[in-house]
Amino acid sequence: MSPLGAAVAALVPAVIVACAGIEAALPPGSWIVYRPTADRKLVHVRVVDDTRAGVVVRVRGFEIESRRLVREENP
């Protein structure tokens, strides 16, 4: 696992590397982590609701180098 993946995994109960259609199979409280191809300096996180499996409630963008939250929005 990459250092970034290890850092994120330490913060949340379940971290899943994104693949198409994965949301429906995720447990409550999971994070779906993926890197956009256009900007490799960012990592995007889709946050699954704490009580409803498979329901994404937030989309966050983090700057990898600083680990700073740079964007947060509703899906």
PDB file of N, CA and C in Angstrom:
ATOM      1  N   MET A   1       0.852  -1.174   0.000  1.00  0.00           N
ATOM      2  CA  MET A   1       0.000   0.000   0.000  1.00  0.00           C
ATOM      3  C   MET A   1       0.895   1.233   0.000  1.00  0.00           C
ATOM      4  N   SER A   2       0.498   2.259  -0.736  1.00  0.00           N
ATOM      5  CA  SER A   2       1.271   3.498  -0.811  1.00  0.00           C
ATOM      6  C   SER A   2       1.203   4.237   0.528  1.00  0.00           C
ATOM      7  N   PRO A   3       2.137   5.160   0.784  1.00  0.00           N
ATOM      8  CA  PRO A   3       2.076   5.952   2.010  1.00  0.00           C
ATOM      9  C   PRO A   3       0.764   6.724   2.141  1.00  0.00           C
ATOM     10  N   LEU A   4       0.258   7.261   1.021  1.00  0.00           N
ATOM     11  CA  LEU A   4      -1.017   7.975   1.065  1.00  0.00           C
ATOM     12  C   LEU A   4      -2.139   7.022   1.445  1.00  0.00           C
ATOM     13  N   GLY A   5      -2.170   5.859   0.828  1.00  0.00           N
ATOM     14  CA  GLY A   5      -3.202   4.873   1.146  1.00  0.00           C
ATOM     15  C   GLY A   5      -3.150   4.455   2.596  1.00  0.00           C
ATOM     16  N   ALA A   6      -1.952   4.263   3.130  1.00  0.00           N
ATOM     17  CA  ALA A   6      -1.802   3.885   4.531  1.00  0.00           C
ATOM     18  C   ALA A   6      -2.290   4.993   5.454  1.00  0.00           C
ATOM     19  N   ALA A   7      -1.995   6.253   5.108  1.00  0.00           N
ATOM     20  CA  ALA A   7      -2.442   7.377   5.929  1.00  0.00           C
ATOM     21  C   ALA A   7      -3.956   7.485   5.935  1.00  0.00           C
ATOM     22  N   VAL A   8      -4.569   7.329   4.780  1.00  0.00           N
ATOM     23  CA  VAL A   8      -6.032   7.403   4.688  1.00  0.00           C
ATOM     24  C   VAL A   8      -6.657   6.211   5.408  1.00  0.00           C
ATOM     25  N   ALA A   9      -6.086   5.025   5.241  1.00  0.00           N
ATOM     26  CA  ALA A   9      -6.630   3.828   5.878  1.00  0.00           C
ATOM     27  C   ALA A   9      -6.623   3.946   7.395  1.00  0.00           C
ATOM     28  N   ALA A  10      -5.672   4.659   7.933  1.00  0.00           N
ATOM     29  CA  ALA A  10      -5.603   4.846   9.375  1.00  0.00           C
ATOM     30  C   ALA A  10      -6.711   5.758   9.888  1.00  0.00           C
ATOM     31  N   LEU A  11      -7.317   6.544   9.009  1.00  0.00           N
ATOM     32  CA  LEU A  11      -8.322   7.524   9.417  1.00  0.00           C
ATOM     33  C   LEU A  11      -9.754   7.013   9.370  1.00  0.00           C
ATOM     34  N   VAL A  12     -10.029   6.038   8.548  1.00  0.00           N
ATOM     35  CA  VAL A  12     -11.414   5.621   8.325  1.00  0.00           C
ATOM     36  C   VAL A  12     -11.558   4.112   8.468  1.00  0.00           C
ATOM     37  N   PRO A  13     -12.783   3.637   8.753  1.00  0.00           N
ATOM     38  CA  PRO A  13     -13.003   2.207   8.951  1.00  0.00           C
ATOM     39  C   PRO A  13     -12.754   1.355   7.715  1.00  0.00           C
ATOM     40  N   ALA A  14     -13.102   1.829   6.557  1.00  0.00           N
ATOM     41  CA  ALA A  14     -12.908   1.040   5.341  1.00  0.00           C
ATOM     42  C   ALA A  14     -12.535   1.975   4.203  1.00  0.00           C
ATOM     43  N   VAL A  15     -11.434   1.702   3.553  1.00  0.00           N
ATOM     44  CA  VAL A  15     -11.007   2.487   2.408  1.00  0.00           C
ATOM     45  C   VAL A  15     -10.995   1.565   1.214  1.00  0.00           C
ATOM     46  N   ILE A  16     -11.664   1.958   0.159  1.00  0.00           N
ATOM     47  CA  ILE A  16     -11.775   1.150  -1.039  1.00  0.00           C
ATOM     48  C   ILE A  16     -11.182   1.941  -2.202  1.00  0.00           C
ATOM     49  N   VAL A  17     -10.291   1.323  -2.945  1.00  0.00           N
ATOM     50  CA  VAL A  17      -9.791   1.953  -4.155  1.00  0.00           C
ATOM     51  C   VAL A  17     -10.901   1.871  -5.190  1.00  0.00           C
ATOM     52  N   ALA A  18     -11.193   2.989  -5.816  1.00  0.00           N
ATOM     53  CA  ALA A  18     -12.378   3.100  -6.665  1.00  0.00           C
ATOM     54  C   ALA A  18     -12.329   2.206  -7.896  1.00  0.00           C
ATOM     55  N   CYS A  19     -13.462   1.634  -8.212  1.00  0.00           N
ATOM     56  CA  CYS A  19     -13.716   0.988  -9.492  1.00  0.00           C
ATOM     57  C   CYS A  19     -15.207   1.165  -9.779  1.00  0.00           C
ATOM     58  N   ALA A  20     -15.562   1.112 -11.026  1.00  0.00           N
ATOM     59  CA  ALA A  20     -16.917   1.441 -11.450  1.00  0.00           C
ATOM     60  C   ALA A  20     -17.976   0.643 -10.687  1.00  0.00           C
ATOM     61  N   GLY A  21     -18.997   1.339 -10.194  1.00  0.00           N
ATOM     62  CA  GLY A  21     -20.136   0.704  -9.555  1.00  0.00           C
ATOM     63  C   GLY A  21     -19.888   0.169  -8.159  1.00  0.00           C
ATOM     64  N   ILE A  22     -18.777   0.524  -7.524  1.00  0.00           N
ATOM     65  CA  ILE A  22     -18.425  -0.041  -6.226  1.00  0.00           C
ATOM     66  C   ILE A  22     -19.327   0.460  -5.093  1.00  0.00           C
ATOM     67  N   GLU A  23     -19.929   1.645  -5.245  1.00  0.00           N
ATOM     68  CA  GLU A  23     -20.709   2.242  -4.161  1.00  0.00           C
ATOM     69  C   GLU A  23     -21.765   1.309  -3.586  1.00  0.00           C
ATOM     70  N   ALA A  24     -22.457   0.578  -4.433  1.00  0.00           N
ATOM     71  CA  ALA A  24     -23.562  -0.280  -3.982  1.00  0.00           C
ATOM     72  C   ALA A  24     -23.091  -1.398  -3.059  1.00  0.00           C
ATOM     73  N   ALA A  25     -21.835  -1.772  -3.123  1.00  0.00           N
ATOM     74  CA  ALA A  25     -21.325  -2.893  -2.334  1.00  0.00           C
ATOM     75  C   ALA A  25     -20.625  -2.466  -1.048  1.00  0.00           C
ATOM     76  N   LEU A  26     -20.550  -1.174  -0.778  1.00  0.00           N
ATOM     77  CA  LEU A  26     -19.760  -0.699   0.352  1.00  0.00           C
ATOM     78  C   LEU A  26     -20.529  -0.657   1.654  1.00  0.00           C
ATOM     79  N   PRO A  27     -19.855  -0.937   2.769  1.00  0.00           N
ATOM     80  CA  PRO A  27     -20.493  -0.826   4.083  1.00  0.00           C
ATOM     81  C   PRO A  27     -20.610   0.635   4.506  1.00  0.00           C
ATOM     82  N   PRO A  28     -21.488   0.937   5.457  1.00  0.00           N
ATOM     83  CA  PRO A  28     -21.611   2.300   5.972  1.00  0.00           C
ATOM     84  C   PRO A  28     -20.272   2.813   6.499  1.00  0.00           C
ATOM     85  N   GLY A  29     -20.014   4.109   6.296  1.00  0.00           N
ATOM     86  CA  GLY A  29     -18.815   4.746   6.806  1.00  0.00           C
ATOM     87  C   GLY A  29     -17.569   4.579   5.949  1.00  0.00           C
ATOM     88  N   SER A  30     -17.671   3.932   4.808  1.00  0.00           N
ATOM     89  CA  SER A  30     -16.511   3.712   3.937  1.00  0.00           C
ATOM     90  C   SER A  30     -16.111   4.980   3.211  1.00  0.00           C
ATOM     91  N   TRP A  31     -14.864   5.014   2.780  1.00  0.00           N
ATOM     92  CA  TRP A  31     -14.372   6.055   1.885  1.00  0.00           C
ATOM     93  C   TRP A  31     -13.940   5.385   0.596  1.00  0.00           C
ATOM     94  N   ILE A  32     -14.301   5.990  -0.524  1.00  0.00           N
ATOM     95  CA  ILE A  32     -13.859   5.532  -1.846  1.00  0.00           C
ATOM     96  C   ILE A  32     -12.804   6.536  -2.290  1.00  0.00           C
ATOM     97  N   VAL A  33     -11.580   6.070  -2.465  1.00  0.00           N
ATOM     98  CA  VAL A  33     -10.453   6.947  -2.762  1.00  0.00           C
ATOM     99  C   VAL A  33     -10.026   6.739  -4.207  1.00  0.00           C
ATOM    100  N   TYR A  34      -9.895   7.843  -4.948  1.00  0.00           N
ATOM    101  CA  TYR A  34      -9.424   7.739  -6.327  1.00  0.00           C
ATOM    102  C   TYR A  34      -8.661   8.993  -6.718  1.00  0.00           C
ATOM    103  N   ARG A  35      -7.773   8.843  -7.694  1.00  0.00           N
ATOM    104  CA  ARG A  35      -6.993   9.966  -8.192  1.00  0.00           C
ATOM    105  C   ARG A  35      -7.466  10.324  -9.585  1.00  0.00           C
ATOM    106  N   PRO A  36      -7.779  11.597  -9.801  1.00  0.00           N
ATOM    107  CA  PRO A  36      -8.183  12.025 -11.139  1.00  0.00           C
ATOM    108  C   PRO A  36      -7.005  11.951 -12.098  1.00  0.00           C
ATOM    109  N   THR A  37      -7.275  11.619 -13.343  1.00  0.00           N
ATOM    110  CA  THR A  37      -6.192  11.531 -14.322  1.00  0.00           C
ATOM    111  C   THR A  37      -5.702  12.903 -14.764  1.00  0.00           C
ATOM    112  N   ALA A  38      -6.542  13.921 -14.671  1.00  0.00           N
ATOM    113  CA  ALA A  38      -6.170  15.261 -15.127  1.00  0.00           C
ATOM    114  C   ALA A  38      -5.220  15.973 -14.162  1.00  0.00           C
ATOM    115  N   ASP A  39      -5.317  15.702 -12.867  1.00  0.00           N
ATOM    116  CA  ASP A  39      -4.478  16.384 -11.880  1.00  0.00           C
ATOM    117  C   ASP A  39      -3.973  15.370 -10.864  1.00  0.00           C
ATOM    118  N   ARG A  40      -2.770  14.878 -11.048  1.00  0.00           N
ATOM    119  CA  ARG A  40      -2.201  13.832 -10.197  1.00  0.00           C
ATOM    120  C   ARG A  40      -1.755  14.359  -8.830  1.00  0.00           C
ATOM    121  N   LYS A  41      -1.924  15.670  -8.587  1.00  0.00           N
ATOM    122  CA  LYS A  41      -1.570  16.237  -7.285  1.00  0.00           C
ATOM    123  C   LYS A  41      -2.727  16.147  -6.296  1.00  0.00           C
ATOM    124  N   LEU A  42      -3.881  15.680  -6.762  1.00  0.00           N
ATOM    125  CA  LEU A  42      -5.069  15.587  -5.924  1.00  0.00           C
ATOM    126  C   LEU A  42      -5.495  14.138  -5.731  1.00  0.00           C
ATOM    127  N   VAL A  43      -6.212  13.911  -4.662  1.00  0.00           N
ATOM    128  CA  VAL A  43      -6.891  12.642  -4.461  1.00  0.00           C
ATOM    129  C   VAL A  43      -8.340  12.997  -4.105  1.00  0.00           C
ATOM    130  N   HIS A  44      -9.285  12.276  -4.668  1.00  0.00           N
ATOM    131  CA  HIS A  44     -10.700  12.505  -4.391  1.00  0.00           C
ATOM    132  C   HIS A  44     -11.214  11.397  -3.482  1.00  0.00           C
ATOM    133  N   VAL A  45     -12.109  11.763  -2.591  1.00  0.00           N
ATOM    134  CA  VAL A  45     -12.684  10.813  -1.646  1.00  0.00           C
ATOM    135  C   VAL A  45     -14.198  10.954  -1.693  1.00  0.00           C
ATOM    136  N   ARG A  46     -14.879   9.839  -1.946  1.00  0.00           N
ATOM    137  CA  ARG A  46     -16.338   9.805  -1.871  1.00  0.00           C
ATOM    138  C   ARG A  46     -16.684   9.153  -0.547  1.00  0.00           C
ATOM    139  N   VAL A  47     -17.430   9.847   0.301  1.00  0.00           N
ATOM    140  CA  VAL A  47     -17.722   9.396   1.661  1.00  0.00           C
ATOM    141  C   VAL A  47     -19.102   8.740   1.686  1.00  0.00           C
ATOM    142  N   VAL A  48     -19.144   7.479   2.140  1.00  0.00           N
ATOM    143  CA  VAL A  48     -20.398   6.733   2.246  1.00  0.00           C
ATOM    144  C   VAL A  48     -21.044   7.055   3.594  1.00  0.00           C
ATOM    145  N   ASP A  49     -22.361   7.239   3.591  1.00  0.00           N
ATOM    146  CA  ASP A  49     -23.129   7.567   4.788  1.00  0.00           C
ATOM    147  C   ASP A  49     -22.814   6.591   5.928  1.00  0.00           C
ATOM    148  N   ASP A  50     -22.815   7.098   7.162  1.00  0.00           N
ATOM    149  CA  ASP A  50     -22.513   6.264   8.328  1.00  0.00           C
ATOM    150  C   ASP A  50     -23.576   5.222   8.640  1.00  0.00           C
ATOM    151  N   THR A  51     -24.797   5.424   8.163  1.00  0.00           N
ATOM    152  CA  THR A  51     -25.876   4.479   8.483  1.00  0.00           C
ATOM    153  C   THR A  51     -26.468   3.775   7.277  1.00  0.00           C
ATOM    154  N   ARG A  52     -26.212   4.291   6.063  1.00  0.00           N
ATOM    155  CA  ARG A  52     -26.806   3.709   4.850  1.00  0.00           C
ATOM    156  C   ARG A  52     -25.712   3.204   3.917  1.00  0.00           C
ATOM    157  N   ALA A  53     -25.579   1.914   3.841  1.00  0.00           N
ATOM    158  CA  ALA A  53     -24.567   1.303   2.980  1.00  0.00           C
ATOM    159  C   ALA A  53     -24.769   1.733   1.528  1.00  0.00           C
ATOM    160  N   GLY A  54     -23.670   2.066   0.862  1.00  0.00           N
ATOM    161  CA  GLY A  54     -23.713   2.385  -0.559  1.00  0.00           C
ATOM    162  C   GLY A  54     -24.186   3.775  -0.926  1.00  0.00           C
ATOM    163  N   VAL A  55     -24.557   4.612   0.051  1.00  0.00           N
ATOM    164  CA  VAL A  55     -25.058   5.957  -0.232  1.00  0.00           C
ATOM    165  C   VAL A  55     -23.939   6.976  -0.009  1.00  0.00           C
ATOM    166  N   VAL A  56     -23.463   7.582  -1.087  1.00  0.00           N
ATOM    167  CA  VAL A  56     -22.402   8.586  -1.000  1.00  0.00           C
ATOM    168  C   VAL A  56     -23.019   9.915  -0.587  1.00  0.00           C
ATOM    169  N   VAL A  57     -22.479  10.511   0.494  1.00  0.00           N
ATOM    170  CA  VAL A  57     -23.050  11.753   1.017  1.00  0.00           C
ATOM    171  C   VAL A  57     -22.145  12.968   0.834  1.00  0.00           C
ATOM    172  N   ARG A  58     -20.849  12.768   0.623  1.00  0.00           N
ATOM    173  CA  ARG A  58     -19.917  13.881   0.424  1.00  0.00           C
ATOM    174  C   ARG A  58     -18.848  13.473  -0.567  1.00  0.00           C
ATOM    175  N   VAL A  59     -18.345  14.466  -1.285  1.00  0.00           N
ATOM    176  CA  VAL A  59     -17.189  14.282  -2.164  1.00  0.00           C
ATOM    177  C   VAL A  59     -16.154  15.302  -1.718  1.00  0.00           C
ATOM    178  N   ARG A  60     -14.969  14.810  -1.365  1.00  0.00           N
ATOM    179  CA  ARG A  60     -13.908  15.689  -0.874  1.00  0.00           C
ATOM    180  C   ARG A  60     -12.692  15.581  -1.776  1.00  0.00           C
ATOM    181  N   GLY A  61     -11.974  16.679  -1.893  1.00  0.00           N
ATOM    182  CA  GLY A  61     -10.727  16.696  -2.652  1.00  0.00           C
ATOM    183  C   GLY A  61      -9.590  17.097  -1.739  1.00  0.00           C
ATOM    184  N   PHE A  62      -8.521  16.313  -1.740  1.00  0.00           N
ATOM    185  CA  PHE A  62      -7.355  16.580  -0.907  1.00  0.00           C
ATOM    186  C   PHE A  62      -6.124  16.780  -1.783  1.00  0.00           C
ATOM    187  N   GLU A  63      -5.290  17.717  -1.389  1.00  0.00           N
ATOM    188  CA  GLU A  63      -3.986  17.904  -2.015  1.00  0.00           C
ATOM    189  C   GLU A  63      -3.062  16.848  -1.406  1.00  0.00           C
ATOM    190  N   ILE A  64      -2.461  16.021  -2.237  1.00  0.00           N
ATOM    191  CA  ILE A  64      -1.689  14.891  -1.742  1.00  0.00           C
ATOM    192  C   ILE A  64      -0.482  15.332  -0.914  1.00  0.00           C
ATOM    193  N   GLU A  65       0.289  16.251  -1.434  1.00  0.00           N
ATOM    194  CA  GLU A  65       1.534  16.624  -0.755  1.00  0.00           C
ATOM    195  C   GLU A  65       1.300  17.199   0.640  1.00  0.00           C
ATOM    196  N   SER A  66       0.338  18.094   0.780  1.00  0.00           N
ATOM    197  CA  SER A  66       0.081  18.747   2.066  1.00  0.00           C
ATOM    198  C   SER A  66      -0.997  18.035   2.888  1.00  0.00           C
ATOM    199  N   ARG A  67      -1.748  17.121   2.245  1.00  0.00           N
ATOM    200  CA  ARG A  67      -2.890  16.421   2.856  1.00  0.00           C
ATOM    201  C   ARG A  67      -4.008  17.392   3.246  1.00  0.00           C
ATOM    202  N   ARG A  68      -4.025  18.547   2.621  1.00  0.00           N
ATOM    203  CA  ARG A  68      -5.003  19.601   2.925  1.00  0.00           C
ATOM    204  C   ARG A  68      -6.279  19.384   2.132  1.00  0.00           C
ATOM    205  N   LEU A  69      -7.422  19.582   2.803  1.00  0.00           N
ATOM    206  CA  LEU A  69      -8.724  19.539   2.136  1.00  0.00           C
ATOM    207  C   LEU A  69      -8.845  20.776   1.267  1.00  0.00           C
ATOM    208  N   VAL A  70      -9.064  20.598  -0.036  1.00  0.00           N
ATOM    209  CA  VAL A  70      -9.152  21.729  -0.953  1.00  0.00           C
ATOM    210  C   VAL A  70     -10.541  21.901  -1.546  1.00  0.00           C
ATOM    211  N   ARG A  71     -11.387  20.894  -1.394  1.00  0.00           N
ATOM    212  CA  ARG A  71     -12.742  20.975  -1.960  1.00  0.00           C
ATOM    213  C   ARG A  71     -13.652  20.003  -1.218  1.00  0.00           C
ATOM    214  N   GLU A  72     -14.890  20.417  -1.004  1.00  0.00           N
ATOM    215  CA  GLU A  72     -15.883  19.535  -0.414  1.00  0.00           C
ATOM    216  C   GLU A  72     -17.250  19.915  -0.988  1.00  0.00           C
ATOM    217  N   GLU A  73     -17.993  18.910  -1.429  1.00  0.00           N
ATOM    218  CA  GLU A  73     -19.302  19.181  -2.036  1.00  0.00           C
ATOM    219  C   GLU A  73     -20.231  17.994  -1.859  1.00  0.00           C
ATOM    220  N   ASN A  74     -21.504  18.238  -2.099  1.00  0.00           N
ATOM    221  CA  ASN A  74     -22.492  17.153  -2.115  1.00  0.00           C
ATOM    222  C   ASN A  74     -22.379  16.420  -3.441  1.00  0.00           C
ATOM    223  N   PRO A  75     -22.684  15.121  -3.462  1.00  0.00           N
ATOM    224  CA  PRO A  75     -22.591  14.372  -4.742  1.00  0.00           C
ATOM    225  C   PRO A  75     -23.625  14.828  -5.744  1.00  0.00           C
TER     226      PRO A  75
END
